[in-house]
Amino acid sequence: MAKLHDLDPQITVDAALRAYEYNQARLARALGLDRASVNEWVASGRMFLPALQAHRLQRLRPDLFGTSCQGAANECEAAAG
C-alpha cells in the first residue's frame, strides 16, 4: 500500500511558474498565497511545490497537471459528484 505522501502530485516550481507565464504574483493569487511565499520557493531553490499547493494547482489547471483523483474510475466520479 502506498503511503499518503506518495500520492501527492510532484509539480516543479518551474512548471507551476510556466503555467502562469513566470509571473510569481499571478501564481500566488491563483493559489491564495502572497507573492512572498512563491518568491521564497524560487529564492531557496525549492524543486517541488508543497503538497497542498500542488493539489490546489492540479484542481485549478487540470489541463496541464492532470487530476488529483488517484482511484478507480468510479471513485473519481464519486469524488467529483
PDB file of N, CA and C in Angstrom:
ATOM      1  N   MET A   1       0.836  -1.182   0.000  1.00  0.00           N
ATOM      2  CA  MET A   1       0.000   0.000   0.000  1.00  0.00           C
ATOM      3  C   MET A   1       0.882   1.247   0.000  1.00  0.00           C
ATOM      4  N   ALA A   2       0.526   2.201  -0.827  1.00  0.00           N
ATOM      5  CA  ALA A   2       1.308   3.436  -0.937  1.00  0.00           C
ATOM      6  C   ALA A   2       1.088   4.318   0.283  1.00  0.00           C
ATOM      7  N   LYS A   3       2.127   5.009   0.681  1.00  0.00           N
ATOM      8  CA  LYS A   3       2.000   5.967   1.769  1.00  0.00           C
ATOM      9  C   LYS A   3       1.273   7.187   1.243  1.00  0.00           C
ATOM     10  N   LEU A   4       0.610   7.895   2.131  1.00  0.00           N
ATOM     11  CA  LEU A   4      -0.190   9.049   1.728  1.00  0.00           C
ATOM     12  C   LEU A   4       0.637  10.063   0.945  1.00  0.00           C
ATOM     13  N   HIS A   5       1.847  10.382   1.398  1.00  0.00           N
ATOM     14  CA  HIS A   5       2.651  11.381   0.695  1.00  0.00           C
ATOM     15  C   HIS A   5       3.126  10.896  -0.669  1.00  0.00           C
ATOM     16  N   ASP A   6       3.123   9.567  -0.886  1.00  0.00           N
ATOM     17  CA  ASP A   6       3.491   9.045  -2.201  1.00  0.00           C
ATOM     18  C   ASP A   6       2.444   9.381  -3.252  1.00  0.00           C
ATOM     19  N   LEU A   7       1.223   9.699  -2.822  1.00  0.00           N
ATOM     20  CA  LEU A   7       0.140  10.024  -3.738  1.00  0.00           C
ATOM     21  C   LEU A   7       0.083  11.507  -4.076  1.00  0.00           C
ATOM     22  N   ASP A   8       0.880  12.309  -3.379  1.00  0.00           N
ATOM     23  CA  ASP A   8       0.888  13.746  -3.638  1.00  0.00           C
ATOM     24  C   ASP A   8       1.481  14.018  -5.017  1.00  0.00           C
ATOM     25  N   PRO A   9       0.887  14.958  -5.741  1.00  0.00           N
ATOM     26  CA  PRO A   9       1.450  15.297  -7.053  1.00  0.00           C
ATOM     27  C   PRO A   9       2.824  15.936  -6.912  1.00  0.00           C
ATOM     28  N   GLN A  10       3.688  15.644  -7.843  1.00  0.00           N
ATOM     29  CA  GLN A  10       5.031  16.217  -7.860  1.00  0.00           C
ATOM     30  C   GLN A  10       5.074  17.252  -8.986  1.00  0.00           C
ATOM     31  N   ILE A  11       4.808  18.491  -8.644  1.00  0.00           N
ATOM     32  CA  ILE A  11       4.805  19.579  -9.620  1.00  0.00           C
ATOM     33  C   ILE A  11       5.985  20.484  -9.298  1.00  0.00           C
ATOM     34  N   THR A  12       6.845  20.698 -10.275  1.00  0.00           N
ATOM     35  CA  THR A  12       8.001  21.548 -10.024  1.00  0.00           C
ATOM     36  C   THR A  12       7.582  23.011  -9.934  1.00  0.00           C
ATOM     37  N   VAL A  13       8.363  23.751  -9.198  1.00  0.00           N
ATOM     38  CA  VAL A  13       8.126  25.195  -9.091  1.00  0.00           C
ATOM     39  C   VAL A  13       8.203  25.827 -10.479  1.00  0.00           C
ATOM     40  N   ASP A  14       9.162  25.376 -11.280  1.00  0.00           N
ATOM     41  CA  ASP A  14       9.309  25.916 -12.630  1.00  0.00           C
ATOM     42  C   ASP A  14       8.064  25.656 -13.474  1.00  0.00           C
ATOM     43  N   ALA A  15       7.513  24.449 -13.405  1.00  0.00           N
ATOM     44  CA  ALA A  15       6.312  24.123 -14.185  1.00  0.00           C
ATOM     45  C   ALA A  15       5.124  24.965 -13.729  1.00  0.00           C
ATOM     46  N   ALA A  16       5.014  25.166 -12.430  1.00  0.00           N
ATOM     47  CA  ALA A  16       3.921  25.992 -11.901  1.00  0.00           C
ATOM     48  C   ALA A  16       4.056  27.430 -12.389  1.00  0.00           C
ATOM     49  N   LEU A  17       5.266  27.950 -12.331  1.00  0.00           N
ATOM     50  CA  LEU A  17       5.501  29.313 -12.809  1.00  0.00           C
ATOM     51  C   LEU A  17       5.260  29.433 -14.310  1.00  0.00           C
ATOM     52  N   ARG A  18       5.687  28.438 -15.057  1.00  0.00           N
ATOM     53  CA  ARG A  18       5.482  28.446 -16.510  1.00  0.00           C
ATOM     54  C   ARG A  18       3.991  28.520 -16.844  1.00  0.00           C
ATOM     55  N   ALA A  19       3.165  27.852 -16.051  1.00  0.00           N
ATOM     56  CA  ALA A  19       1.711  27.863 -16.273  1.00  0.00           C
ATOM     57  C   ALA A  19       1.131  29.258 -16.106  1.00  0.00           C
ATOM     58  N   TYR A  20       1.836  30.119 -15.379  1.00  0.00           N
ATOM     59  CA  TYR A  20       1.391  31.495 -15.160  1.00  0.00           C
ATOM     60  C   TYR A  20       2.382  32.497 -15.749  1.00  0.00           C
ATOM     61  N   GLU A  21       2.982  32.104 -16.858  1.00  0.00           N
ATOM     62  CA  GLU A  21       3.897  32.953 -17.622  1.00  0.00           C
ATOM     63  C   GLU A  21       5.028  33.521 -16.767  1.00  0.00           C
ATOM     64  N   TYR A  22       5.516  32.695 -15.860  1.00  0.00           N
ATOM     65  CA  TYR A  22       6.612  33.049 -14.959  1.00  0.00           C
ATOM     66  C   TYR A  22       6.314  34.287 -14.111  1.00  0.00           C
ATOM     67  N   ASN A  23       5.049  34.529 -13.854  1.00  0.00           N
ATOM     68  CA  ASN A  23       4.625  35.661 -13.038  1.00  0.00           C
ATOM     69  C   ASN A  23       4.324  35.153 -11.628  1.00  0.00           C
ATOM     70  N   GLN A  24       5.211  35.455 -10.697  1.00  0.00           N
ATOM     71  CA  GLN A  24       5.063  34.967  -9.332  1.00  0.00           C
ATOM     72  C   GLN A  24       3.790  35.478  -8.674  1.00  0.00           C
ATOM     73  N   ALA A  25       3.432  36.716  -8.930  1.00  0.00           N
ATOM     74  CA  ALA A  25       2.225  37.291  -8.326  1.00  0.00           C
ATOM     75  C   ALA A  25       0.965  36.572  -8.816  1.00  0.00           C
ATOM     76  N   ARG A  26       0.917  36.253 -10.116  1.00  0.00           N
ATOM     77  CA  ARG A  26      -0.254  35.541 -10.665  1.00  0.00           C
ATOM     78  C   ARG A  26      -0.365  34.140 -10.079  1.00  0.00           C
ATOM     79  N   LEU A  27       0.747  33.438  -9.970  1.00  0.00           N
ATOM     80  CA  LEU A  27       0.729  32.102  -9.368  1.00  0.00           C
ATOM     81  C   LEU A  27       0.274  32.191  -7.915  1.00  0.00           C
ATOM     82  N   ALA A  28       0.819  33.142  -7.192  1.00  0.00           N
ATOM     83  CA  ALA A  28       0.439  33.310  -5.788  1.00  0.00           C
ATOM     84  C   ALA A  28      -1.059  33.584  -5.643  1.00  0.00           C
ATOM     85  N   ARG A  29      -1.591  34.488  -6.452  1.00  0.00           N
ATOM     86  CA  ARG A  29      -3.036  34.787  -6.392  1.00  0.00           C
ATOM     87  C   ARG A  29      -3.868  33.549  -6.691  1.00  0.00           C
ATOM     88  N   ALA A  30      -3.465  32.790  -7.698  1.00  0.00           N
ATOM     89  CA  ALA A  30      -4.211  31.587  -8.074  1.00  0.00           C
ATOM     90  C   ALA A  30      -4.255  30.586  -6.919  1.00  0.00           C
ATOM     91  N   LEU A  31      -3.174  30.501  -6.169  1.00  0.00           N
ATOM     92  CA  LEU A  31      -3.090  29.546  -5.070  1.00  0.00           C
ATOM     93  C   LEU A  31      -3.581  30.112  -3.741  1.00  0.00           C
ATOM     94  N   GLY A  32      -3.948  31.389  -3.727  1.00  0.00           N
ATOM     95  CA  GLY A  32      -4.421  32.008  -2.494  1.00  0.00           C
ATOM     96  C   GLY A  32      -3.303  32.329  -1.522  1.00  0.00           C
ATOM     97  N   LEU A  33      -2.130  32.633  -2.060  1.00  0.00           N
ATOM     98  CA  LEU A  33      -0.954  32.938  -1.249  1.00  0.00           C
ATOM     99  C   LEU A  33      -0.503  34.364  -1.514  1.00  0.00           C
ATOM    100  N   ASP A  34       0.436  34.829  -0.699  1.00  0.00           N
ATOM    101  CA  ASP A  34       1.051  36.110  -1.026  1.00  0.00           C
ATOM    102  C   ASP A  34       2.283  35.848  -1.899  1.00  0.00           C
ATOM    103  N   ARG A  35       2.670  36.860  -2.641  1.00  0.00           N
ATOM    104  CA  ARG A  35       3.778  36.722  -3.587  1.00  0.00           C
ATOM    105  C   ARG A  35       5.069  36.326  -2.886  1.00  0.00           C
ATOM    106  N   ALA A  36       5.225  36.751  -1.640  1.00  0.00           N
ATOM    107  CA  ALA A  36       6.442  36.426  -0.894  1.00  0.00           C
ATOM    108  C   ALA A  36       6.621  34.914  -0.729  1.00  0.00           C
ATOM    109  N   SER A  37       5.532  34.189  -0.597  1.00  0.00           N
ATOM    110  CA  SER A  37       5.622  32.731  -0.459  1.00  0.00           C
ATOM    111  C   SER A  37       6.211  32.107  -1.715  1.00  0.00           C
ATOM    112  N   VAL A  38       5.722  32.519  -2.864  1.00  0.00           N
ATOM    113  CA  VAL A  38       6.229  31.991  -4.125  1.00  0.00           C
ATOM    114  C   VAL A  38       7.669  32.435  -4.324  1.00  0.00           C
ATOM    115  N   ASN A  39       7.955  33.685  -3.992  1.00  0.00           N
ATOM    116  CA  ASN A  39       9.320  34.184  -4.116  1.00  0.00           C
ATOM    117  C   ASN A  39      10.282  33.376  -3.259  1.00  0.00           C
ATOM    118  N   GLU A  40       9.849  32.960  -2.088  1.00  0.00           N
ATOM    119  CA  GLU A  40      10.691  32.153  -1.200  1.00  0.00           C
ATOM    120  C   GLU A  40      11.018  30.797  -1.832  1.00  0.00           C
ATOM    121  N   TRP A  41      10.033  30.185  -2.511  1.00  0.00           N
ATOM    122  CA  TRP A  41      10.297  28.914  -3.194  1.00  0.00           C
ATOM    123  C   TRP A  41      11.400  29.092  -4.231  1.00  0.00           C
ATOM    124  N   VAL A  42      11.301  30.187  -4.984  1.00  0.00           N
ATOM    125  CA  VAL A  42      12.270  30.446  -6.055  1.00  0.00           C
ATOM    126  C   VAL A  42      13.639  30.764  -5.458  1.00  0.00           C
ATOM    127  N   ALA A  43      13.662  31.676  -4.483  1.00  0.00           N
ATOM    128  CA  ALA A  43      14.928  32.112  -3.896  1.00  0.00           C
ATOM    129  C   ALA A  43      15.664  30.983  -3.179  1.00  0.00           C
ATOM    130  N   SER A  44      14.910  30.066  -2.587  1.00  0.00           N
ATOM    131  CA  SER A  44      15.536  28.972  -1.837  1.00  0.00           C
ATOM    132  C   SER A  44      15.931  27.806  -2.739  1.00  0.00           C
ATOM    133  N   GLY A  45      15.516  27.860  -4.001  1.00  0.00           N
ATOM    134  CA  GLY A  45      15.835  26.775  -4.918  1.00  0.00           C
ATOM    135  C   GLY A  45      14.975  25.544  -4.722  1.00  0.00           C
ATOM    136  N   ARG A  46      13.818  25.727  -4.126  1.00  0.00           N
ATOM    137  CA  ARG A  46      12.910  24.598  -3.902  1.00  0.00           C
ATOM    138  C   ARG A  46      12.571  23.941  -5.239  1.00  0.00           C
ATOM    139  N   MET A  47      12.622  22.626  -5.293  1.00  0.00           N
ATOM    140  CA  MET A  47      12.373  21.898  -6.541  1.00  0.00           C
ATOM    141  C   MET A  47      10.876  21.710  -6.795  1.00  0.00           C
ATOM    142  N   PHE A  48      10.128  21.246  -5.780  1.00  0.00           N
ATOM    143  CA  PHE A  48       8.714  20.928  -5.955  1.00  0.00           C
ATOM    144  C   PHE A  48       7.827  21.818  -5.089  1.00  0.00           C
ATOM    145  N   LEU A  49       6.594  22.023  -5.549  1.00  0.00           N
ATOM    146  CA  LEU A  49       5.612  22.746  -4.743  1.00  0.00           C
ATOM    147  C   LEU A  49       5.307  21.952  -3.481  1.00  0.00           C
ATOM    148  N   PRO A  50       4.945  22.645  -2.400  1.00  0.00           N
ATOM    149  CA  PRO A  50       4.430  21.920  -1.237  1.00  0.00           C
ATOM    150  C   PRO A  50       3.182  21.129  -1.659  1.00  0.00           C
ATOM    151  N   ALA A  51       2.930  20.027  -0.987  1.00  0.00           N
ATOM    152  CA  ALA A  51       1.849  19.116  -1.392  1.00  0.00           C
ATOM    153  C   ALA A  51       0.497  19.818  -1.499  1.00  0.00           C
ATOM    154  N   LEU A  52       0.143  20.631  -0.524  1.00  0.00           N
ATOM    155  CA  LEU A  52      -1.154  21.308  -0.565  1.00  0.00           C
ATOM    156  C   LEU A  52      -1.267  22.196  -1.796  1.00  0.00           C
ATOM    157  N   GLN A  53      -0.215  22.922  -2.088  1.00  0.00           N
ATOM    158  CA  GLN A  53      -0.244  23.812  -3.249  1.00  0.00           C
ATOM    159  C   GLN A  53      -0.269  23.020  -4.554  1.00  0.00           C
ATOM    160  N   ALA A  54       0.399  21.879  -4.584  1.00  0.00           N
ATOM    161  CA  ALA A  54       0.377  21.031  -5.780  1.00  0.00           C
ATOM    162  C   ALA A  54      -1.035  20.506  -6.039  1.00  0.00           C
ATOM    163  N   HIS A  55      -1.714  20.100  -4.979  1.00  0.00           N
ATOM    164  CA  HIS A  55      -3.104  19.639  -5.137  1.00  0.00           C
ATOM    165  C   HIS A  55      -4.001  20.781  -5.625  1.00  0.00           C
ATOM    166  N   ARG A  56      -3.803  21.957  -5.056  1.00  0.00           N
ATOM    167  CA  ARG A  56      -4.595  23.120  -5.497  1.00  0.00           C
ATOM    168  C   ARG A  56      -4.356  23.413  -6.972  1.00  0.00           C
ATOM    169  N   LEU A  57      -3.101  23.378  -7.376  1.00  0.00           N
ATOM    170  CA  LEU A  57      -2.768  23.681  -8.764  1.00  0.00           C
ATOM    171  C   LEU A  57      -3.347  22.630  -9.710  1.00  0.00           C
ATOM    172  N   GLN A  58      -3.354  21.392  -9.290  1.00  0.00           N
ATOM    173  CA  GLN A  58      -3.972  20.343 -10.113  1.00  0.00           C
ATOM    174  C   GLN A  58      -5.447  20.642 -10.350  1.00  0.00           C
ATOM    175  N   ARG A  59      -6.128  21.093  -9.314  1.00  0.00           N
ATOM    176  CA  ARG A  59      -7.555  21.400  -9.454  1.00  0.00           C
ATOM    177  C   ARG A  59      -7.784  22.645 -10.310  1.00  0.00           C
ATOM    178  N   LEU A  60      -6.873  23.605 -10.193  1.00  0.00           N
ATOM    179  CA  LEU A  60      -7.003  24.836 -10.974  1.00  0.00           C
ATOM    180  C   LEU A  60      -6.646  24.633 -12.444  1.00  0.00           C
ATOM    181  N   ARG A  61      -5.663  23.797 -12.712  1.00  0.00           N
ATOM    182  CA  ARG A  61      -5.148  23.615 -14.072  1.00  0.00           C
ATOM    183  C   ARG A  61      -5.062  22.138 -14.447  1.00  0.00           C
ATOM    184  N   PRO A  62      -6.201  21.425 -14.471  1.00  0.00           N
ATOM    185  CA  PRO A  62      -6.152  20.010 -14.842  1.00  0.00           C
ATOM    186  C   PRO A  62      -5.683  19.816 -16.283  1.00  0.00           C
ATOM    187  N   ASP A  63      -5.802  20.864 -17.093  1.00  0.00           N
ATOM    188  CA  ASP A  63      -5.328  20.788 -18.474  1.00  0.00           C
ATOM    189  C   ASP A  63      -3.808  20.596 -18.542  1.00  0.00           C
ATOM    190  N   LEU A  64      -3.096  21.102 -17.547  1.00  0.00           N
ATOM    191  CA  LEU A  64      -1.638  20.994 -17.522  1.00  0.00           C
ATOM    192  C   LEU A  64      -1.116  19.947 -16.550  1.00  0.00           C
ATOM    193  N   PHE A  65      -1.824  19.772 -15.443  1.00  0.00           N
ATOM    194  CA  PHE A  65      -1.293  18.945 -14.364  1.00  0.00           C
ATOM    195  C   PHE A  65      -2.153  17.732 -14.033  1.00  0.00           C
ATOM    196  N   GLY A  66      -3.091  17.388 -14.893  1.00  0.00           N
ATOM    197  CA  GLY A  66      -3.907  16.199 -14.667  1.00  0.00           C
ATOM    198  C   GLY A  66      -4.928  16.398 -13.576  1.00  0.00           C
ATOM    199  N   THR A  67      -5.364  15.296 -13.037  1.00  0.00           N
ATOM    200  CA  THR A  67      -6.381  15.328 -11.999  1.00  0.00           C
ATOM    201  C   THR A  67      -5.801  14.813 -10.697  1.00  0.00           C
ATOM    202  N   SER A  68      -6.372  15.235  -9.588  1.00  0.00           N
ATOM    203  CA  SER A  68      -5.876  14.786  -8.292  1.00  0.00           C
ATOM    204  C   SER A  68      -6.523  13.475  -7.878  1.00  0.00           C
ATOM    205  N   CYS A  69      -7.467  12.969  -8.671  1.00  0.00           N
ATOM    206  CA  CYS A  69      -8.119  11.710  -8.340  1.00  0.00           C
ATOM    207  C   CYS A  69      -7.184  10.555  -8.678  1.00  0.00           C
ATOM    208  N   GLN A  70      -6.874   9.735  -7.695  1.00  0.00           N
ATOM    209  CA  GLN A  70      -5.922   8.641  -7.895  1.00  0.00           C
ATOM    210  C   GLN A  70      -6.604   7.273  -7.950  1.00  0.00           C
ATOM    211  N   GLY A  71      -7.906   7.219  -7.689  1.00  0.00           N
ATOM    212  CA  GLY A  71      -8.573   5.922  -7.586  1.00  0.00           C
ATOM    213  C   GLY A  71      -9.120   5.423  -8.905  1.00  0.00           C
ATOM    214  N   ALA A  72      -9.905   4.368  -8.805  1.00  0.00           N
ATOM    215  CA  ALA A  72     -10.575   3.812  -9.986  1.00  0.00           C
ATOM    216  C   ALA A  72     -11.588   4.797 -10.514  1.00  0.00           C
ATOM    217  N   ALA A  73     -12.068   4.560 -11.714  1.00  0.00           N
ATOM    218  CA  ALA A  73     -12.991   5.492 -12.378  1.00  0.00           C
ATOM    219  C   ALA A  73     -14.214   5.783 -11.522  1.00  0.00           C
ATOM    220  N   ASN A  74     -14.799   4.787 -10.899  1.00  0.00           N
ATOM    221  CA  ASN A  74     -15.997   5.042 -10.105  1.00  0.00           C
ATOM    222  C   ASN A  74     -15.683   5.873  -8.867  1.00  0.00           C
ATOM    223  N   GLU A  75     -14.469   5.740  -8.314  1.00  0.00           N
ATOM    224  CA  GLU A  75     -14.070   6.578  -7.190  1.00  0.00           C
ATOM    225  C   GLU A  75     -13.895   8.015  -7.631  1.00  0.00           C
ATOM    226  N   CYS A  76     -13.373   8.224  -8.843  1.00  0.00           N
ATOM    227  CA  CYS A  76     -13.199   9.566  -9.370  1.00  0.00           C
ATOM    228  C   CYS A  76     -14.562  10.238  -9.554  1.00  0.00           C
ATOM    229  N   GLU A  77     -15.508   9.482 -10.094  1.00  0.00           N
ATOM    230  CA  GLU A  77     -16.850  10.029 -10.301  1.00  0.00           C
ATOM    231  C   GLU A  77     -17.503  10.372  -8.975  1.00  0.00           C
ATOM    232  N   ALA A  78     -17.311   9.520  -7.967  1.00  0.00           N
ATOM    233  CA  ALA A  78     -17.891   9.778  -6.647  1.00  0.00           C
ATOM    234  C   ALA A  78     -17.282  11.027  -6.028  1.00  0.00           C
ATOM    235  N   ALA A  79     -15.987  11.210  -6.219  1.00  0.00           N
ATOM    236  CA  ALA A  79     -15.316  12.386  -5.670  1.00  0.00           C
ATOM    237  C   ALA A  79     -15.769  13.652  -6.382  1.00  0.00           C
ATOM    238  N   ALA A  80     -16.036  13.544  -7.681  1.00  0.00           N
ATOM    239  CA  ALA A  80     -16.457  14.719  -8.456  1.00  0.00           C
ATOM    240  C   ALA A  80     -17.908  15.074  -8.177  1.00  0.00           C
ATOM    241  N   GLY A  81     -18.713  14.112  -7.826  1.00  0.00           N
ATOM    242  CA  GLY A  81     -20.139  14.329  -7.635  1.00  0.00           C
ATOM    243  C   GLY A  81     -20.453  14.809  -6.296  1.00  0.00           C
TER     244      GLY A  81
END
